[in-house]
Amino acid sequence: MIDELNCLDQRRAPIYEALQTFRQMRVVPFDVPGHKHGRGNPEMTAFLGEKCVQIDVNSMKPLDNLCHPVSVIKEAEDLAADAFGAAHAFLMVGGTTSSVQTMVLATCKRGDKIILPRNVHRSVINALVLCGAVPVYVNPEVDDRLGISLGMRRDQVFKAIRENPDAVAVLVNNPTYYGVCSDLKAITQMAHDAGMYCLVDEAHGTHFYFGAGMPTTAMEAGADMAAVSMHKSGGSLTQSSFLLTGPNMNPGHVRQIINLTQTTSGSYLLMSSLDISRRMLALHGREIFAKVSTMADYAREEVNAIGGYYAFGKELVNGDSIFDFDPTKLSIHTREIGLAGIEVYDILRDEYDIQIEFGDIGNILAYLSIGDRPQELERLVSALAEIRRRYQRDGSGLLDTEYLDPEVVATPQEAFYAPKKSVPLDESEGLVCSEFVMCYPPGIPILAPGERITRDILDYIKFAKEKGCSMTGPEDPDILRLNVLA
């Protein structure tokens, strides 16, 4: 199918074009949405803009239907598949969460084993709750200095495959939130040699497909499915994503899985943003991401020249657990100035009006992409220098790791639906958790359903709360109590 798509004109944006035609038709709407091109909600129209609400419309023949595309949405999907080098691409309007869950639900059923790193996004474990698959965790290495989890080592994956020959799939984060990449081609080959699917959470790797000198993409590596968060580094609207599939996947089956959970009222705002952004990257991506990489390299040099911080990059590459590194990532270690990453995050926002992507226990991440400019990076570097001068202190007492090995007692589905009771956080040690606890972002669970609560985990939760991390997941919003197996 890829060869058939090579003649497609990447200058086209069929959903955008159809909406432009629709706008000129002056159609009288006796369908949903009820705001009727914005007339029924003037305050919303004034806030969002008339041009925007005029194309917030329902599925109709001229605009196709996301659940069963046959015209302009199908054309947009074909163009996306061509641009990403995939056999098929699906427009997703439920975020990359929906794409990730589709990958798992399309390949796993109740009782099936899936090999994956424990530092996955909660959407993966949510999918296991839904389908009843059994996780086989490959615990990632941890960089002792930075306290961050790394990629999957080849020998770890090989061992997991050898010990679980009945597993149906291997899932890989590529890249991680911090920009770390695994040896995707080797892992894909190992999975295929064992008769397993290879699934890739590529949420933070959209630009790999369009920039020069980027790490290997999932489709280049021969992976079977990849979830690509177009809104993160690709310029589309928040919540829009692509799901890519290779030639071994049945697109009709994948569509059926998508339609189990994705809305039947697909947003044309989101879909058109995917269409327009794909066109932009297909035509200009190499130039765009060359500039982003150059800005990131410059920023790393300037941050490291401040002293105390460590903006890490390709020097970490070791050929295995850090097989490659995303050159656009500006990840900065902060513990050596005596501040947790979340503390630097809060200071930047509250005192310097700089909003970065996230701060955790030991690091911050400034997400650089197509809309950034050098003058804003200069402002960030200056603020970091001033924060070091004003706030640097002794760092003893800070936690030194972001990742804790889990003790899995039950599958996520068993634990989530089992009889449970609520206990005070301080009294939960040794019990089995039946809900999620995580800092968001990045949305990697500290605890997932079915995992034993240990003293190290409780200390981490308390420390993260004290430092101001945004904690989500538990039924109790204050995280003073946890639900555990009864």
Protein backbone atom coordinates (compact mmCIF):
# COMPACT_ATOMS: atom_id res chain seq x y z
CA MET A 1 0.00 0.00 0.00
CA ILE A 2 2.90 2.34 0.74
CA ASP A 3 4.05 2.15 -2.90
CA GLU A 4 0.53 3.02 -4.08
CA LEU A 5 0.56 6.16 -1.93
CA ASN A 6 3.84 7.54 -3.23
CA CYS A 7 2.04 9.46 -5.98
CA LEU A 8 -0.13 11.34 -3.49
CA ASP A 9 0.19 15.12 -3.49
CA GLN A 10 1.32 16.25 -0.04
CA ARG A 11 0.29 19.81 -0.93
CA ARG A 12 -3.32 18.67 -0.52
CA ALA A 13 -5.30 19.00 2.72
CA PRO A 14 -8.65 17.42 1.82
CA ILE A 15 -10.48 17.96 5.13
CA TYR A 16 -9.40 21.60 5.24
CA GLU A 17 -10.43 22.03 1.61
CA ALA A 18 -13.85 20.47 2.21
CA LEU A 19 -14.46 22.71 5.22
CA GLN A 20 -13.53 25.79 3.17
CA THR A 21 -16.09 24.76 0.56
CA PHE A 22 -18.67 24.08 3.25
CA ARG A 23 -18.10 27.52 4.78
CA GLN A 24 -18.93 29.16 1.43
CA MET A 25 -22.14 27.17 0.96
CA ARG A 26 -24.12 29.04 3.66
CA VAL A 27 -25.88 25.85 4.72
CA VAL A 28 -28.90 26.24 7.04
CA PRO A 29 -28.19 23.86 9.98
CA PHE A 30 -30.98 21.68 11.33
CA ASP A 31 -28.49 19.24 12.83
CA VAL A 32 -26.09 19.26 15.77
CA PRO A 33 -24.12 20.93 17.31
CA GLY A 34 -26.78 23.08 18.90
CA HIS A 35 -24.85 26.35 18.80
CA LYS A 36 -25.70 26.49 15.05
CA HIS A 37 -22.43 27.88 13.68
CA GLY A 38 -22.00 29.96 16.82
CA ARG A 39 -25.24 31.94 16.61
CA GLY A 40 -26.74 30.26 19.66
CA ASN A 41 -23.79 30.97 21.93
CA PRO A 42 -22.45 34.47 21.18
CA GLU A 43 -20.17 34.56 24.23
CA MET A 44 -18.41 31.38 23.10
CA THR A 45 -18.26 32.66 19.54
CA ALA A 46 -16.67 35.93 20.66
CA PHE A 47 -14.11 34.00 22.69
CA LEU A 48 -13.19 31.32 20.14
CA GLY A 49 -13.78 33.30 16.97
CA GLU A 50 -16.47 33.09 14.32
CA LYS A 51 -14.27 31.28 11.82
CA CYS A 52 -13.61 28.58 14.36
CA VAL A 53 -17.18 27.85 15.45
CA GLN A 54 -18.48 27.96 11.87
CA ILE A 55 -16.56 24.76 11.12
CA ASP A 56 -17.43 23.03 14.39
CA VAL A 57 -19.91 20.87 12.54
CA ASN A 58 -21.43 17.41 12.48
CA SER A 59 -20.53 14.58 10.10
CA MET A 60 -22.36 14.86 6.77
CA LYS A 61 -21.84 13.43 3.30
CA PRO A 62 -19.63 16.25 1.95
CA LEU A 63 -17.42 16.08 5.06
CA ASP A 64 -17.26 12.26 5.46
CA ASN A 65 -17.53 10.32 8.73
CA LEU A 66 -14.61 9.48 11.03
CA CYS A 67 -16.11 6.12 12.05
CA HIS A 68 -16.31 4.92 8.44
CA PRO A 69 -14.40 7.28 6.15
CA VAL A 70 -14.92 6.97 2.41
CA SER A 71 -14.03 10.40 0.99
CA VAL A 72 -12.17 13.41 2.41
CA ILE A 73 -11.21 11.81 5.74
CA LYS A 74 -10.02 8.70 3.90
CA GLU A 75 -7.96 10.92 1.59
CA ALA A 76 -6.45 12.67 4.61
CA GLU A 77 -5.58 9.31 6.15
CA ASP A 78 -3.94 8.15 2.92
CA LEU A 79 -1.86 11.32 2.78
CA ALA A 80 -0.82 10.85 6.42
CA ALA A 81 0.18 7.24 5.78
CA ASP A 82 2.29 8.39 2.85
CA ALA A 83 3.92 11.17 4.86
CA PHE A 84 4.79 8.86 7.78
CA GLY A 85 5.80 5.87 5.67
CA ALA A 86 3.03 3.71 7.14
CA ALA A 87 0.73 1.16 5.55
CA HIS A 88 -2.21 2.99 7.09
CA ALA A 89 -2.84 6.04 9.29
CA PHE A 90 -5.90 6.76 11.40
CA LEU A 91 -6.97 10.24 12.48
CA MET A 92 -7.50 10.13 16.25
CA VAL A 93 -9.45 12.76 18.17
CA GLY A 94 -9.23 11.18 21.63
CA GLY A 95 -5.60 12.08 22.13
CA THR A 96 -2.67 9.69 21.94
CA THR A 97 -4.27 7.96 24.93
CA SER A 98 -6.86 6.62 22.47
CA SER A 99 -4.13 5.60 20.01
CA VAL A 100 -2.14 3.75 22.68
CA GLN A 101 -5.20 1.96 23.98
CA THR A 102 -6.15 0.92 20.46
CA MET A 103 -2.72 -0.67 19.97
CA VAL A 104 -3.15 -2.80 23.08
CA LEU A 105 -6.81 -3.65 22.49
CA ALA A 106 -6.12 -4.58 18.84
CA THR A 107 -3.47 -7.14 19.78
CA CYS A 108 -4.31 -8.39 23.28
CA LYS A 109 -7.29 -10.11 24.87
CA ARG A 110 -7.97 -11.31 28.39
CA GLY A 111 -5.12 -13.46 29.72
CA ASP A 112 -2.66 -12.57 26.94
CA LYS A 113 0.80 -11.49 28.04
CA ILE A 114 2.34 -8.25 26.81
CA ILE A 115 6.00 -7.34 27.41
CA LEU A 116 6.54 -3.68 28.25
CA PRO A 117 8.63 -1.31 30.36
CA ARG A 118 7.07 -0.33 33.67
CA ASN A 119 7.63 3.39 32.99
CA VAL A 120 4.76 3.51 30.51
CA HIS A 121 2.08 6.18 30.33
CA ARG A 122 -1.05 5.39 32.32
CA SER A 123 -2.97 4.91 29.06
CA VAL A 124 -1.15 1.60 28.54
CA ILE A 125 -2.10 0.23 31.94
CA ASN A 126 -5.64 1.60 31.49
CA ALA A 127 -5.84 -0.57 28.37
CA LEU A 128 -4.78 -3.59 30.42
CA VAL A 129 -7.58 -2.81 32.88
CA LEU A 130 -10.02 -2.79 29.96
CA CYS A 131 -8.90 -5.95 28.15
CA GLY A 132 -7.48 -8.07 30.97
CA ALA A 133 -4.06 -8.63 29.41
CA VAL A 134 -1.20 -9.57 31.74
CA PRO A 135 1.84 -7.24 31.88
CA VAL A 136 5.34 -8.69 31.83
CA TYR A 137 7.42 -5.75 32.98
CA VAL A 138 10.96 -5.07 31.84
CA ASN A 139 12.30 -2.82 34.57
CA PRO A 140 14.39 -0.11 32.92
CA GLU A 141 17.87 0.84 34.01
CA VAL A 142 18.14 4.05 36.00
CA ASP A 143 20.80 6.70 35.45
CA ASP A 144 22.16 7.09 38.99
CA ARG A 145 23.23 10.69 38.49
CA LEU A 146 20.04 11.92 36.84
CA GLY A 147 17.67 9.60 38.63
CA ILE A 148 15.73 8.92 35.41
CA SER A 149 14.65 5.65 33.86
CA LEU A 150 16.25 4.80 30.53
CA GLY A 151 15.27 2.68 27.54
CA MET A 152 14.82 -1.08 27.26
CA ARG A 153 18.10 -2.99 26.98
CA ARG A 154 18.27 -5.59 24.22
CA ASP A 155 19.25 -8.39 26.60
CA GLN A 156 16.34 -7.52 28.91
CA VAL A 157 13.87 -7.76 26.05
CA PHE A 158 15.44 -10.99 24.78
CA LYS A 159 15.23 -12.51 28.28
CA ALA A 160 11.58 -11.47 28.67
CA ILE A 161 10.72 -12.97 25.27
CA ARG A 162 12.60 -16.21 26.03
CA GLU A 163 10.89 -16.59 29.42
CA ASN A 164 7.44 -15.69 28.03
CA PRO A 165 7.23 -17.28 24.58
CA ASP A 166 3.43 -17.12 24.81
CA ALA A 167 3.41 -13.30 24.97
CA VAL A 168 1.60 -11.70 22.06
CA ALA A 169 3.28 -8.28 21.89
CA VAL A 170 6.19 -6.12 22.98
CA LEU A 171 5.51 -2.43 23.67
CA VAL A 172 8.27 0.19 23.61
CA ASN A 173 8.38 3.84 24.72
CA ASN A 174 10.33 5.64 22.02
CA PRO A 175 11.41 8.23 22.93
CA THR A 176 10.83 8.55 26.66
CA TYR A 177 9.69 11.87 28.10
CA TYR A 178 13.35 12.73 28.64
CA GLY A 179 14.32 11.97 25.02
CA VAL A 180 15.91 8.54 25.55
CA CYS A 181 15.51 6.03 22.71
CA SER A 182 15.85 2.23 22.72
CA ASP A 183 17.29 0.09 19.92
CA LEU A 184 13.93 -0.02 18.21
CA LYS A 185 15.00 -1.93 15.13
CA ALA A 186 16.60 -4.73 17.17
CA ILE A 187 13.63 -4.97 19.55
CA THR A 188 11.18 -5.09 16.64
CA GLN A 189 13.18 -7.88 15.03
CA MET A 190 13.28 -9.86 18.28
CA ALA A 191 9.52 -9.51 18.66
CA HIS A 192 8.84 -10.60 15.10
CA ASP A 193 11.26 -13.54 15.32
CA ALA A 194 9.20 -14.74 18.30
CA GLY A 195 5.90 -14.25 16.47
CA MET A 196 4.93 -11.20 18.53
CA TYR A 197 3.70 -7.77 17.53
CA CYS A 198 5.85 -4.72 18.21
CA LEU A 199 3.90 -1.67 19.43
CA VAL A 200 5.51 1.74 19.90
CA ASP A 201 4.33 4.60 22.08
CA GLU A 202 5.81 7.32 19.90
CA ALA A 203 3.87 10.15 21.52
CA HIS A 204 6.93 12.37 21.73
CA GLY A 205 8.46 11.37 18.40
CA THR A 206 6.36 13.01 15.68
CA HIS A 207 9.35 15.03 14.50
CA PHE A 208 11.46 11.88 14.00
CA TYR A 209 9.53 11.31 10.77
CA PHE A 210 10.33 14.69 9.28
CA GLY A 211 13.63 15.98 10.67
CA ALA A 212 17.10 15.08 9.43
CA GLY A 213 19.47 13.23 11.76
CA MET A 214 16.66 12.05 14.04
CA PRO A 215 16.43 8.67 15.79
CA THR A 216 14.87 5.73 13.96
CA THR A 217 11.09 5.88 13.66
CA ALA A 218 8.73 3.03 14.47
CA MET A 219 7.74 2.63 10.83
CA GLU A 220 11.40 2.59 9.70
CA ALA A 221 12.10 -0.09 12.31
CA GLY A 222 9.27 -2.25 10.97
CA ALA A 223 7.00 -1.94 14.01
CA ASP A 224 3.41 -3.06 13.63
CA MET A 225 1.72 -0.04 15.23
CA ALA A 226 2.78 3.37 16.52
CA ALA A 227 0.90 6.06 18.43
CA VAL A 228 2.06 9.50 17.31
CA SER A 229 1.04 12.56 19.30
CA MET A 230 0.81 15.09 16.50
CA HIS A 231 -0.22 17.91 18.85
CA LYS A 232 2.98 17.65 20.92
CA SER A 233 5.70 18.44 18.40
CA GLY A 234 3.74 18.43 15.15
CA GLY A 235 1.73 21.62 15.57
CA SER A 236 -1.86 20.32 15.53
CA LEU A 237 -4.51 21.11 18.13
CA THR A 238 -4.41 19.53 21.58
CA GLN A 239 -6.02 16.07 21.67
CA SER A 240 -5.30 15.26 18.01
CA SER A 241 -3.13 12.27 17.16
CA PHE A 242 -2.28 9.69 14.52
CA LEU A 243 -2.28 5.93 14.86
CA LEU A 244 0.09 4.36 12.34
CA THR A 245 0.07 0.71 11.30
CA GLY A 246 2.48 -1.48 9.35
CA PRO A 247 1.63 -4.00 6.63
CA ASN A 248 1.00 -6.87 9.07
CA MET A 249 -2.03 -5.19 10.64
CA ASN A 250 -5.57 -5.50 9.28
CA PRO A 251 -6.81 -1.87 9.00
CA GLY A 252 -10.45 -2.95 9.10
CA HIS A 253 -9.94 -4.71 12.44
CA VAL A 254 -8.02 -1.72 13.81
CA ARG A 255 -10.86 0.58 12.76
CA GLN A 256 -13.33 -1.62 14.64
CA ILE A 257 -11.20 -1.41 17.78
CA ILE A 258 -10.93 2.38 17.46
CA ASN A 259 -14.71 2.61 17.16
CA LEU A 260 -15.19 0.74 20.44
CA THR A 261 -13.95 3.73 22.43
CA GLN A 262 -13.52 6.78 20.19
CA THR A 263 -16.33 9.29 19.83
CA THR A 264 -18.84 9.00 17.00
CA SER A 265 -18.84 12.82 16.87
CA GLY A 266 -15.35 13.49 15.60
CA SER A 267 -14.28 17.13 15.92
CA TYR A 268 -13.59 18.74 12.54
CA LEU A 269 -11.48 21.33 14.32
CA LEU A 270 -9.15 18.54 15.46
CA MET A 271 -9.25 16.62 12.20
CA SER A 272 -8.56 19.68 10.06
CA SER A 273 -5.66 20.60 12.34
CA LEU A 274 -4.17 17.15 11.74
CA ASP A 275 -4.64 17.57 8.00
CA ILE A 276 -3.07 21.05 7.86
CA SER A 277 -0.18 20.11 10.18
CA ARG A 278 0.62 16.95 8.23
CA ARG A 279 0.83 19.03 5.06
CA MET A 280 3.13 21.55 6.73
CA LEU A 281 5.50 18.89 8.04
CA ALA A 282 5.53 16.88 4.82
CA LEU A 283 6.49 19.98 2.85
CA HIS A 284 8.71 21.82 5.34
CA GLY A 285 9.52 19.43 8.19
CA ARG A 286 13.23 19.04 7.50
CA GLU A 287 13.78 22.79 7.59
CA ILE A 288 11.54 23.28 10.63
CA PHE A 289 13.14 20.63 12.81
CA ALA A 290 16.67 21.54 11.76
CA LYS A 291 15.96 24.93 13.38
CA VAL A 292 14.47 23.29 16.48
CA SER A 293 17.51 21.03 16.88
CA THR A 294 19.86 23.99 16.47
CA MET A 295 17.96 25.93 19.15
CA ALA A 296 18.08 22.95 21.51
CA ASP A 297 21.84 22.50 21.01
CA TYR A 298 22.40 26.18 21.71
CA ALA A 299 20.19 26.08 24.81
CA ARG A 300 22.02 23.03 26.21
CA GLU A 301 25.35 24.80 25.84
CA GLU A 302 24.07 27.96 27.51
CA VAL A 303 22.40 26.13 30.40
CA ASN A 304 25.47 24.01 31.06
CA ALA A 305 27.62 27.15 31.05
CA ILE A 306 25.58 28.50 34.00
CA GLY A 307 26.96 25.80 36.27
CA GLY A 308 25.00 23.60 38.67
CA TYR A 309 22.50 22.50 36.04
CA TYR A 310 23.05 19.65 33.61
CA ALA A 311 21.22 19.84 30.27
CA PHE A 312 21.91 16.38 28.95
CA GLY A 313 22.04 15.21 25.37
CA LYS A 314 23.68 12.75 22.98
CA GLU A 315 26.76 12.38 25.18
CA LEU A 316 24.67 9.92 27.24
CA VAL A 317 24.28 7.50 24.32
CA ASN A 318 25.69 4.08 25.24
CA GLY A 319 24.44 1.98 22.33
CA ASP A 320 21.88 0.03 24.37
CA SER A 321 19.71 1.43 27.20
CA ILE A 322 20.35 4.86 25.64
CA PHE A 323 20.61 3.78 22.03
CA ASP A 324 19.90 7.27 20.74
CA PHE A 325 18.68 10.65 22.00
CA ASP A 326 16.11 13.11 20.72
CA PRO A 327 18.14 16.20 19.72
CA THR A 328 15.16 18.54 20.25
CA LYS A 329 14.72 17.68 23.93
CA LEU A 330 15.85 20.22 26.52
CA SER A 331 15.90 18.10 29.67
CA ILE A 332 17.72 19.73 32.58
CA HIS A 333 18.89 18.11 35.82
CA THR A 334 18.44 20.44 38.80
CA ARG A 335 19.42 18.52 41.94
CA GLU A 336 22.98 19.86 41.97
CA ILE A 337 21.68 23.35 42.78
CA GLY A 338 19.75 21.83 45.67
CA LEU A 339 16.31 22.19 44.09
CA ALA A 340 13.86 19.55 42.95
CA GLY A 341 12.76 19.93 39.35
CA ILE A 342 9.21 20.74 40.44
CA GLU A 343 10.54 23.61 42.57
CA VAL A 344 12.33 25.12 39.57
CA TYR A 345 9.16 24.54 37.51
CA ASP A 346 7.08 26.50 40.04
CA ILE A 347 9.59 29.35 40.33
CA LEU A 348 9.79 29.74 36.56
CA ARG A 349 6.01 29.96 36.29
CA ASP A 350 5.26 32.04 39.39
CA GLU A 351 8.13 34.52 39.24
CA TYR A 352 9.25 34.61 35.61
CA ASP A 353 6.03 33.86 33.67
CA ILE A 354 7.73 30.93 31.96
CA GLN A 355 5.65 27.77 31.60
CA ILE A 356 7.71 24.67 30.93
CA GLU A 357 6.41 21.17 30.22
CA PHE A 358 7.04 19.56 33.59
CA GLY A 359 9.19 19.34 36.65
CA ASP A 360 9.66 16.19 38.68
CA ILE A 361 11.91 15.17 41.53
CA GLY A 362 15.23 15.91 39.88
CA ASN A 363 14.64 17.34 36.42
CA ILE A 364 12.71 19.79 34.29
CA LEU A 365 11.77 19.55 30.64
CA ALA A 366 11.41 22.55 28.34
CA TYR A 367 9.55 21.25 25.29
CA LEU A 368 10.97 22.84 22.14
CA SER A 369 9.09 22.64 18.88
CA ILE A 370 7.94 24.47 15.79
CA GLY A 371 6.60 27.57 17.56
CA ASP A 372 9.64 28.44 19.67
CA ARG A 373 12.00 31.36 19.00
CA PRO A 374 15.58 32.04 20.09
CA GLN A 375 14.62 35.10 22.14
CA GLU A 376 12.36 32.96 24.35
CA LEU A 377 15.18 30.53 24.94
CA GLU A 378 17.39 33.44 25.99
CA ARG A 379 14.73 34.40 28.52
CA LEU A 380 14.64 30.86 29.89
CA VAL A 381 18.43 30.65 30.20
CA SER A 382 18.56 34.02 31.97
CA ALA A 383 15.84 32.95 34.39
CA LEU A 384 17.65 29.70 35.20
CA ALA A 385 20.85 31.61 35.91
CA GLU A 386 19.01 33.95 38.24
CA ILE A 387 17.23 31.08 40.00
CA ARG A 388 20.58 29.45 40.68
CA ARG A 389 21.95 32.69 42.12
CA ARG A 390 18.90 33.37 44.29
CA TYR A 391 17.83 29.91 45.42
CA GLN A 392 20.79 27.52 45.30
CA ARG A 393 21.12 25.47 48.47
CA ASP A 394 22.45 22.22 49.87
CA GLY A 395 20.75 19.36 48.08
CA SER A 396 21.02 16.76 50.82
CA GLY A 397 17.66 15.27 51.62
CA LEU A 398 16.40 15.30 48.03
CA LEU A 399 15.27 11.97 46.64
CA ASP A 400 17.66 10.64 44.03
CA THR A 401 15.51 8.54 41.70
CA GLU A 402 12.36 8.87 39.61
CA TYR A 403 11.75 5.15 39.16
CA LEU A 404 10.88 2.47 41.71
CA ASP A 405 10.69 -1.21 40.73
CA PRO A 406 7.13 -2.48 41.28
CA GLU A 407 6.11 -5.70 43.01
CA VAL A 408 3.21 -6.98 40.90
CA VAL A 409 0.71 -9.07 42.87
CA ALA A 410 -2.33 -9.03 40.56
CA THR A 411 -3.13 -7.96 37.01
CA PRO A 412 -4.37 -4.38 36.58
CA GLN A 413 -7.86 -5.60 35.65
CA GLU A 414 -8.13 -8.01 38.60
CA ALA A 415 -7.05 -5.35 41.06
CA PHE A 416 -9.13 -2.54 39.59
CA TYR A 417 -12.40 -4.50 39.74
CA ALA A 418 -11.72 -6.49 42.93
CA PRO A 419 -13.42 -5.73 46.26
CA LYS A 420 -11.52 -2.86 47.85
CA LYS A 421 -11.34 -0.72 50.92
CA SER A 422 -10.02 2.77 51.65
CA VAL A 423 -7.17 3.09 54.16
CA PRO A 424 -5.08 6.06 55.35
CA LEU A 425 -1.93 6.52 53.28
CA ASP A 426 0.31 5.90 56.31
CA GLU A 427 -1.41 2.58 56.99
CA SER A 428 -1.19 1.23 53.45
CA GLU A 429 2.36 -0.18 53.51
CA GLY A 430 2.42 -3.83 52.50
CA LEU A 431 -1.09 -3.76 51.03
CA VAL A 432 -1.97 -4.10 47.34
CA CYS A 433 -3.10 -0.93 45.56
CA SER A 434 -6.30 -1.02 43.49
CA GLU A 435 -5.98 2.40 41.83
CA PHE A 436 -3.42 4.66 40.18
CA VAL A 437 -1.11 7.22 41.77
CA MET A 438 1.02 9.41 39.52
CA CYS A 439 2.52 12.81 38.95
CA TYR A 440 1.03 14.48 35.89
CA PRO A 441 2.79 15.26 33.70
CA PRO A 442 4.34 12.90 32.71
CA GLY A 443 1.54 10.50 33.68
CA ILE A 444 3.77 7.51 34.49
CA PRO A 445 2.19 5.70 37.46
CA ILE A 446 4.08 5.57 40.76
CA LEU A 447 1.55 2.91 41.71
CA ALA A 448 -0.73 0.96 39.40
CA PRO A 449 -3.59 -1.40 40.28
CA GLY A 450 -2.22 -4.73 41.46
CA GLU A 451 1.10 -3.44 42.85
CA ARG A 452 2.24 -3.73 46.45
CA ILE A 453 2.66 -0.50 48.38
CA THR A 454 6.16 -0.26 49.83
CA ARG A 455 7.83 2.18 52.19
CA ASP A 456 9.95 3.59 49.33
CA ILE A 457 6.80 4.29 47.32
CA LEU A 458 5.10 6.00 50.26
CA ASP A 459 8.20 8.13 50.87
CA TYR A 460 8.21 9.09 47.19
CA ILE A 461 4.52 10.06 47.23
CA LYS A 462 4.96 12.18 50.36
CA PHE A 463 8.08 13.87 48.98
CA ALA A 464 6.38 14.62 45.64
CA LYS A 465 3.38 16.10 47.45
CA GLU A 466 5.59 18.26 49.68
CA LYS A 467 7.49 19.59 46.67
CA GLY A 468 4.27 20.52 44.87
CA CYS A 469 4.02 17.85 42.16
CA SER A 470 0.57 17.63 40.60
CA MET A 471 -0.64 14.26 41.84
CA THR A 472 -3.52 12.47 40.13
CA GLY A 473 -5.19 9.07 40.00
CA PRO A 474 -6.63 8.15 43.41
CA GLU A 475 -10.27 8.41 44.34
CA ASP A 476 -9.24 10.68 47.22
CA PRO A 477 -8.17 13.96 45.54
CA ASP A 478 -5.99 14.91 48.53
CA ILE A 479 -4.22 11.53 48.42
CA LEU A 480 -4.57 11.10 52.17
CA ARG A 481 -6.12 7.68 51.60
CA LEU A 482 -5.62 4.89 49.09
CA ASN A 483 -7.94 2.17 47.83
CA VAL A 484 -6.41 -1.26 48.42
CA LEU A 485 -7.54 -4.83 47.91
CA ALA A 486 -9.91 -5.85 50.68
